[in-house]
Amino acid sequence: MSIEFLIKLRDASQMIADAANEELEKHNPTTKTAQTNIEYEKILWVKVKNQKGEPYQRYPAYQQQPDTTNTNYLALVEKIKKDNYHRHDGLKYWLFQDKTTIGRKPA
């Protein structure tokens, strides 16, 4: 087996797990309530590209501090910390290593 094949297999497995988790979240009333409370577009997303040149969005901008009075940002950080990632409306959300920067891209 080649490394490239293993990488593709890993990525496909992760997509299956993510899809299963998303479907489970749809049927979990507590998750659904938490999702409706977050107004995602009230977070000031910044468009950037990763090291491979692929576009994604992040908040806050590079080397900036987040607005800790933004309740939508705070709720989303807590949601991601709880589940290690978050999916909503076709987007996947994750935290960077600093645990304050959020990234998002199409799932």
N, C-alpha and C. Protein backbone atom coordinates (compact mmCIF):
# COMPACT_ATOMS: atom_id res chain seq x y z
N MET A 1 0.84 -1.19 0.00
CA MET A 1 0.00 0.00 0.00
C MET A 1 0.88 1.25 0.00
N SER A 2 0.44 2.23 -0.74
CA SER A 2 1.21 3.47 -0.78
C SER A 2 0.70 4.44 0.28
N ILE A 3 1.55 5.37 0.62
CA ILE A 3 1.19 6.41 1.60
C ILE A 3 0.00 7.22 1.08
N GLU A 4 0.01 7.52 -0.21
CA GLU A 4 -1.09 8.30 -0.80
C GLU A 4 -2.43 7.59 -0.62
N PHE A 5 -2.44 6.26 -0.83
CA PHE A 5 -3.67 5.49 -0.65
C PHE A 5 -4.13 5.55 0.80
N LEU A 6 -3.20 5.40 1.74
CA LEU A 6 -3.55 5.45 3.16
C LEU A 6 -4.10 6.80 3.56
N ILE A 7 -3.55 7.85 3.01
CA ILE A 7 -4.04 9.20 3.30
C ILE A 7 -5.46 9.35 2.79
N LYS A 8 -5.71 8.87 1.57
CA LYS A 8 -7.08 8.95 1.01
C LYS A 8 -8.05 8.11 1.83
N LEU A 9 -7.61 6.94 2.26
CA LEU A 9 -8.46 6.08 3.08
C LEU A 9 -8.77 6.74 4.42
N ARG A 10 -7.77 7.36 5.04
CA ARG A 10 -7.98 8.08 6.30
C ARG A 10 -8.98 9.21 6.11
N ASP A 11 -8.80 10.01 5.03
CA ASP A 11 -9.69 11.14 4.78
C ASP A 11 -11.12 10.67 4.53
N ALA A 12 -11.27 9.58 3.78
CA ALA A 12 -12.61 9.06 3.52
C ALA A 12 -13.26 8.56 4.81
N SER A 13 -12.49 7.91 5.64
CA SER A 13 -13.01 7.43 6.93
C SER A 13 -13.45 8.59 7.80
N GLN A 14 -12.67 9.66 7.80
CA GLN A 14 -13.04 10.84 8.59
C GLN A 14 -14.32 11.47 8.07
N MET A 15 -14.48 11.50 6.74
CA MET A 15 -15.70 12.06 6.17
C MET A 15 -16.92 11.23 6.58
N ILE A 16 -16.77 9.92 6.60
CA ILE A 16 -17.87 9.05 7.02
C ILE A 16 -18.21 9.30 8.48
N ALA A 17 -17.19 9.38 9.33
CA ALA A 17 -17.43 9.65 10.76
C ALA A 17 -18.07 11.01 10.95
N ASP A 18 -17.61 12.02 10.21
CA ASP A 18 -18.19 13.36 10.33
C ASP A 18 -19.65 13.35 9.90
N ALA A 19 -19.96 12.65 8.81
CA ALA A 19 -21.35 12.59 8.33
C ALA A 19 -22.24 11.89 9.36
N ALA A 20 -21.74 10.81 9.95
CA ALA A 20 -22.51 10.10 10.98
C ALA A 20 -22.75 11.00 12.19
N ASN A 21 -21.72 11.71 12.62
CA ASN A 21 -21.88 12.63 13.76
C ASN A 21 -22.87 13.75 13.45
N GLU A 22 -22.80 14.27 12.24
CA GLU A 22 -23.73 15.33 11.85
C GLU A 22 -25.17 14.83 11.89
N GLU A 23 -25.39 13.61 11.38
CA GLU A 23 -26.74 13.04 11.40
C GLU A 23 -27.21 12.80 12.83
N LEU A 24 -26.32 12.33 13.69
CA LEU A 24 -26.68 12.14 15.09
C LEU A 24 -27.02 13.47 15.76
N GLU A 25 -26.28 14.52 15.44
CA GLU A 25 -26.54 15.84 16.01
C GLU A 25 -27.92 16.35 15.62
N LYS A 26 -28.36 16.03 14.40
CA LYS A 26 -29.68 16.47 13.94
C LYS A 26 -30.79 15.89 14.81
N HIS A 27 -30.56 14.71 15.37
CA HIS A 27 -31.59 14.03 16.14
C HIS A 27 -31.41 14.18 17.64
N ASN A 28 -30.44 14.97 18.05
CA ASN A 28 -30.18 15.20 19.47
C ASN A 28 -30.77 16.56 19.84
N PRO A 29 -31.84 16.60 20.62
CA PRO A 29 -32.50 17.88 20.92
C PRO A 29 -31.60 18.89 21.63
N THR A 30 -30.68 18.46 22.48
CA THR A 30 -29.83 19.43 23.17
C THR A 30 -28.86 20.07 22.20
N THR A 31 -28.33 19.32 21.25
CA THR A 31 -27.43 19.87 20.24
C THR A 31 -28.18 20.84 19.34
N LYS A 32 -29.39 20.46 18.95
CA LYS A 32 -30.18 21.31 18.07
C LYS A 32 -30.46 22.66 18.73
N THR A 33 -30.77 22.66 20.01
CA THR A 33 -31.03 23.90 20.73
C THR A 33 -29.77 24.76 20.76
N ALA A 34 -28.64 24.15 21.02
CA ALA A 34 -27.39 24.90 21.09
C ALA A 34 -27.06 25.52 19.74
N GLN A 35 -27.32 24.78 18.65
CA GLN A 35 -27.02 25.30 17.32
C GLN A 35 -27.87 26.51 16.97
N THR A 36 -29.13 26.51 17.36
CA THR A 36 -30.00 27.61 16.99
C THR A 36 -29.67 28.88 17.74
N ASN A 37 -28.96 28.77 18.87
CA ASN A 37 -28.61 29.95 19.65
C ASN A 37 -27.43 30.72 19.08
N ILE A 38 -26.62 30.08 18.26
CA ILE A 38 -25.43 30.73 17.71
C ILE A 38 -25.78 31.39 16.37
N GLU A 39 -25.51 32.68 16.29
CA GLU A 39 -25.69 33.40 15.02
C GLU A 39 -24.32 33.51 14.37
N TYR A 40 -24.03 32.55 13.51
CA TYR A 40 -22.69 32.39 12.94
C TYR A 40 -22.21 33.60 12.15
N GLU A 41 -23.11 34.30 11.50
CA GLU A 41 -22.70 35.43 10.67
C GLU A 41 -22.46 36.71 11.47
N LYS A 42 -22.70 36.64 12.78
CA LYS A 42 -22.36 37.79 13.63
C LYS A 42 -20.93 37.69 14.15
N ILE A 43 -20.20 36.69 13.63
CA ILE A 43 -18.77 36.57 13.89
C ILE A 43 -18.08 37.12 12.65
N LEU A 44 -17.10 37.97 12.83
CA LEU A 44 -16.44 38.64 11.70
C LEU A 44 -15.38 37.74 11.07
N TRP A 45 -15.80 36.84 10.19
CA TRP A 45 -14.92 35.88 9.54
C TRP A 45 -13.98 36.58 8.58
N VAL A 46 -12.74 36.10 8.51
CA VAL A 46 -11.71 36.63 7.62
C VAL A 46 -11.37 35.54 6.61
N LYS A 47 -11.41 35.87 5.32
CA LYS A 47 -11.06 34.91 4.28
C LYS A 47 -9.54 34.82 4.15
N VAL A 48 -9.03 33.59 4.20
CA VAL A 48 -7.59 33.34 4.08
C VAL A 48 -7.38 32.04 3.29
N LYS A 49 -6.11 31.71 3.04
CA LYS A 49 -5.76 30.45 2.39
C LYS A 49 -4.77 29.71 3.28
N ASN A 50 -4.88 28.39 3.29
CA ASN A 50 -3.95 27.59 4.09
C ASN A 50 -2.63 27.42 3.32
N GLN A 51 -1.72 26.64 3.87
CA GLN A 51 -0.41 26.46 3.25
C GLN A 51 -0.49 25.80 1.88
N LYS A 52 -1.55 25.07 1.61
CA LYS A 52 -1.75 24.44 0.30
C LYS A 52 -2.45 25.37 -0.68
N GLY A 53 -2.81 26.57 -0.22
CA GLY A 53 -3.51 27.52 -1.07
C GLY A 53 -5.02 27.35 -1.10
N GLU A 54 -5.54 26.48 -0.22
CA GLU A 54 -6.99 26.24 -0.17
C GLU A 54 -7.66 27.29 0.70
N PRO A 55 -8.79 27.83 0.24
CA PRO A 55 -9.46 28.89 1.01
C PRO A 55 -10.22 28.33 2.22
N TYR A 56 -10.23 29.12 3.26
CA TYR A 56 -11.05 28.86 4.43
C TYR A 56 -11.26 30.20 5.12
N GLN A 57 -12.03 30.20 6.18
CA GLN A 57 -12.26 31.43 6.94
C GLN A 57 -11.81 31.20 8.38
N ARG A 58 -11.44 32.28 9.03
CA ARG A 58 -11.01 32.19 10.42
C ARG A 58 -11.48 33.42 11.19
N TYR A 59 -11.54 33.27 12.49
CA TYR A 59 -11.78 34.38 13.38
C TYR A 59 -11.02 34.10 14.67
N PRO A 60 -10.28 35.02 15.17
CA PRO A 60 -9.99 36.35 14.62
C PRO A 60 -8.92 36.28 13.53
N ALA A 61 -8.65 37.44 12.93
CA ALA A 61 -7.60 37.52 11.92
C ALA A 61 -6.26 37.16 12.55
N TYR A 62 -5.30 36.81 11.72
CA TYR A 62 -3.97 36.41 12.18
C TYR A 62 -3.37 37.47 13.10
N GLN A 63 -2.88 37.03 14.24
CA GLN A 63 -2.25 37.85 15.28
C GLN A 63 -3.18 38.92 15.86
N GLN A 64 -4.47 38.69 15.81
CA GLN A 64 -5.45 39.58 16.42
C GLN A 64 -6.08 38.86 17.62
N GLN A 65 -6.64 39.62 18.52
CA GLN A 65 -7.33 39.06 19.68
C GLN A 65 -8.83 38.99 19.38
N PRO A 66 -9.51 37.93 19.83
CA PRO A 66 -10.95 37.84 19.60
C PRO A 66 -11.72 38.82 20.47
N ASP A 67 -12.91 39.16 20.01
CA ASP A 67 -13.82 40.00 20.78
C ASP A 67 -14.50 39.10 21.80
N THR A 68 -14.05 39.14 23.03
CA THR A 68 -14.60 38.26 24.06
C THR A 68 -15.95 38.73 24.60
N THR A 69 -16.49 39.80 24.02
CA THR A 69 -17.85 40.21 24.38
C THR A 69 -18.87 39.67 23.37
N ASN A 70 -18.39 39.05 22.29
CA ASN A 70 -19.27 38.49 21.27
C ASN A 70 -19.77 37.13 21.77
N THR A 71 -21.02 37.08 22.18
CA THR A 71 -21.59 35.86 22.74
C THR A 71 -21.66 34.73 21.72
N ASN A 72 -21.83 35.08 20.45
CA ASN A 72 -21.86 34.05 19.41
C ASN A 72 -20.50 33.37 19.29
N TYR A 73 -19.43 34.16 19.32
CA TYR A 73 -18.07 33.61 19.28
C TYR A 73 -17.83 32.72 20.50
N LEU A 74 -18.18 33.20 21.68
CA LEU A 74 -17.95 32.43 22.91
C LEU A 74 -18.73 31.12 22.92
N ALA A 75 -19.98 31.16 22.46
CA ALA A 75 -20.79 29.94 22.40
C ALA A 75 -20.22 28.94 21.42
N LEU A 76 -19.73 29.44 20.28
CA LEU A 76 -19.16 28.54 19.28
C LEU A 76 -17.86 27.91 19.79
N VAL A 77 -17.03 28.67 20.46
CA VAL A 77 -15.80 28.12 21.04
C VAL A 77 -16.14 27.01 22.02
N GLU A 78 -17.11 27.23 22.88
CA GLU A 78 -17.50 26.21 23.85
C GLU A 78 -18.06 24.98 23.17
N LYS A 79 -18.85 25.18 22.13
CA LYS A 79 -19.42 24.06 21.38
C LYS A 79 -18.31 23.22 20.75
N ILE A 80 -17.34 23.88 20.15
CA ILE A 80 -16.24 23.15 19.50
C ILE A 80 -15.38 22.44 20.56
N LYS A 81 -15.11 23.10 21.67
CA LYS A 81 -14.32 22.47 22.74
C LYS A 81 -15.01 21.20 23.25
N LYS A 82 -16.32 21.25 23.35
CA LYS A 82 -17.08 20.12 23.85
C LYS A 82 -16.99 18.93 22.90
N ASP A 83 -17.11 19.17 21.61
CA ASP A 83 -17.19 18.09 20.62
C ASP A 83 -15.93 17.92 19.77
N ASN A 84 -14.90 18.74 19.99
CA ASN A 84 -13.65 18.74 19.23
C ASN A 84 -13.77 19.34 17.82
N TYR A 85 -14.96 19.46 17.32
CA TYR A 85 -15.24 20.16 16.06
C TYR A 85 -16.74 20.40 16.04
N HIS A 86 -17.20 21.09 15.02
CA HIS A 86 -18.63 21.39 14.92
C HIS A 86 -19.00 21.51 13.45
N ARG A 87 -20.17 21.05 13.10
CA ARG A 87 -20.69 21.20 11.74
C ARG A 87 -22.02 21.93 11.80
N HIS A 88 -22.20 22.84 10.87
CA HIS A 88 -23.48 23.56 10.80
C HIS A 88 -23.63 24.12 9.39
N ASP A 89 -24.78 23.89 8.80
CA ASP A 89 -25.13 24.50 7.52
C ASP A 89 -24.07 24.23 6.43
N GLY A 90 -23.55 23.00 6.39
CA GLY A 90 -22.58 22.63 5.37
C GLY A 90 -21.16 23.08 5.62
N LEU A 91 -20.89 23.64 6.81
CA LEU A 91 -19.55 24.09 7.15
C LEU A 91 -19.02 23.31 8.35
N LYS A 92 -17.72 23.06 8.35
CA LYS A 92 -17.06 22.42 9.47
C LYS A 92 -16.26 23.48 10.22
N TYR A 93 -16.39 23.50 11.53
CA TYR A 93 -15.71 24.47 12.39
C TYR A 93 -14.73 23.72 13.29
N TRP A 94 -13.57 24.32 13.53
CA TRP A 94 -12.57 23.73 14.42
C TRP A 94 -11.81 24.84 15.13
N LEU A 95 -11.11 24.46 16.19
CA LEU A 95 -10.26 25.40 16.93
C LEU A 95 -8.81 25.16 16.57
N PHE A 96 -8.07 26.23 16.45
CA PHE A 96 -6.63 26.14 16.26
C PHE A 96 -5.99 25.76 17.59
N GLN A 97 -4.70 25.48 17.58
CA GLN A 97 -4.00 25.05 18.79
C GLN A 97 -4.08 26.07 19.92
N ASP A 98 -4.23 27.35 19.59
CA ASP A 98 -4.30 28.37 20.64
C ASP A 98 -5.62 28.34 21.41
N LYS A 99 -6.57 27.53 20.95
CA LYS A 99 -7.88 27.34 21.58
C LYS A 99 -8.75 28.59 21.61
N THR A 100 -8.38 29.62 20.82
CA THR A 100 -9.21 30.82 20.73
C THR A 100 -9.55 31.16 19.28
N THR A 101 -8.75 30.68 18.33
CA THR A 101 -8.99 30.95 16.91
C THR A 101 -9.85 29.84 16.33
N ILE A 102 -10.92 30.27 15.63
CA ILE A 102 -11.83 29.32 15.00
C ILE A 102 -11.58 29.34 13.49
N GLY A 103 -11.55 28.15 12.90
CA GLY A 103 -11.49 28.03 11.44
C GLY A 103 -12.79 27.43 10.95
N ARG A 104 -13.14 27.73 9.70
CA ARG A 104 -14.31 27.09 9.11
C ARG A 104 -14.09 26.96 7.62
N LYS A 105 -14.66 25.87 7.06
CA LYS A 105 -14.59 25.62 5.62
C LYS A 105 -15.74 24.69 5.26
N PRO A 106 -16.05 24.60 3.97
CA PRO A 106 -17.11 23.67 3.58
C PRO A 106 -16.78 22.24 4.02
N ALA A 107 -17.79 21.56 4.53
CA ALA A 107 -17.58 20.19 5.03
C ALA A 107 -17.52 19.20 3.87
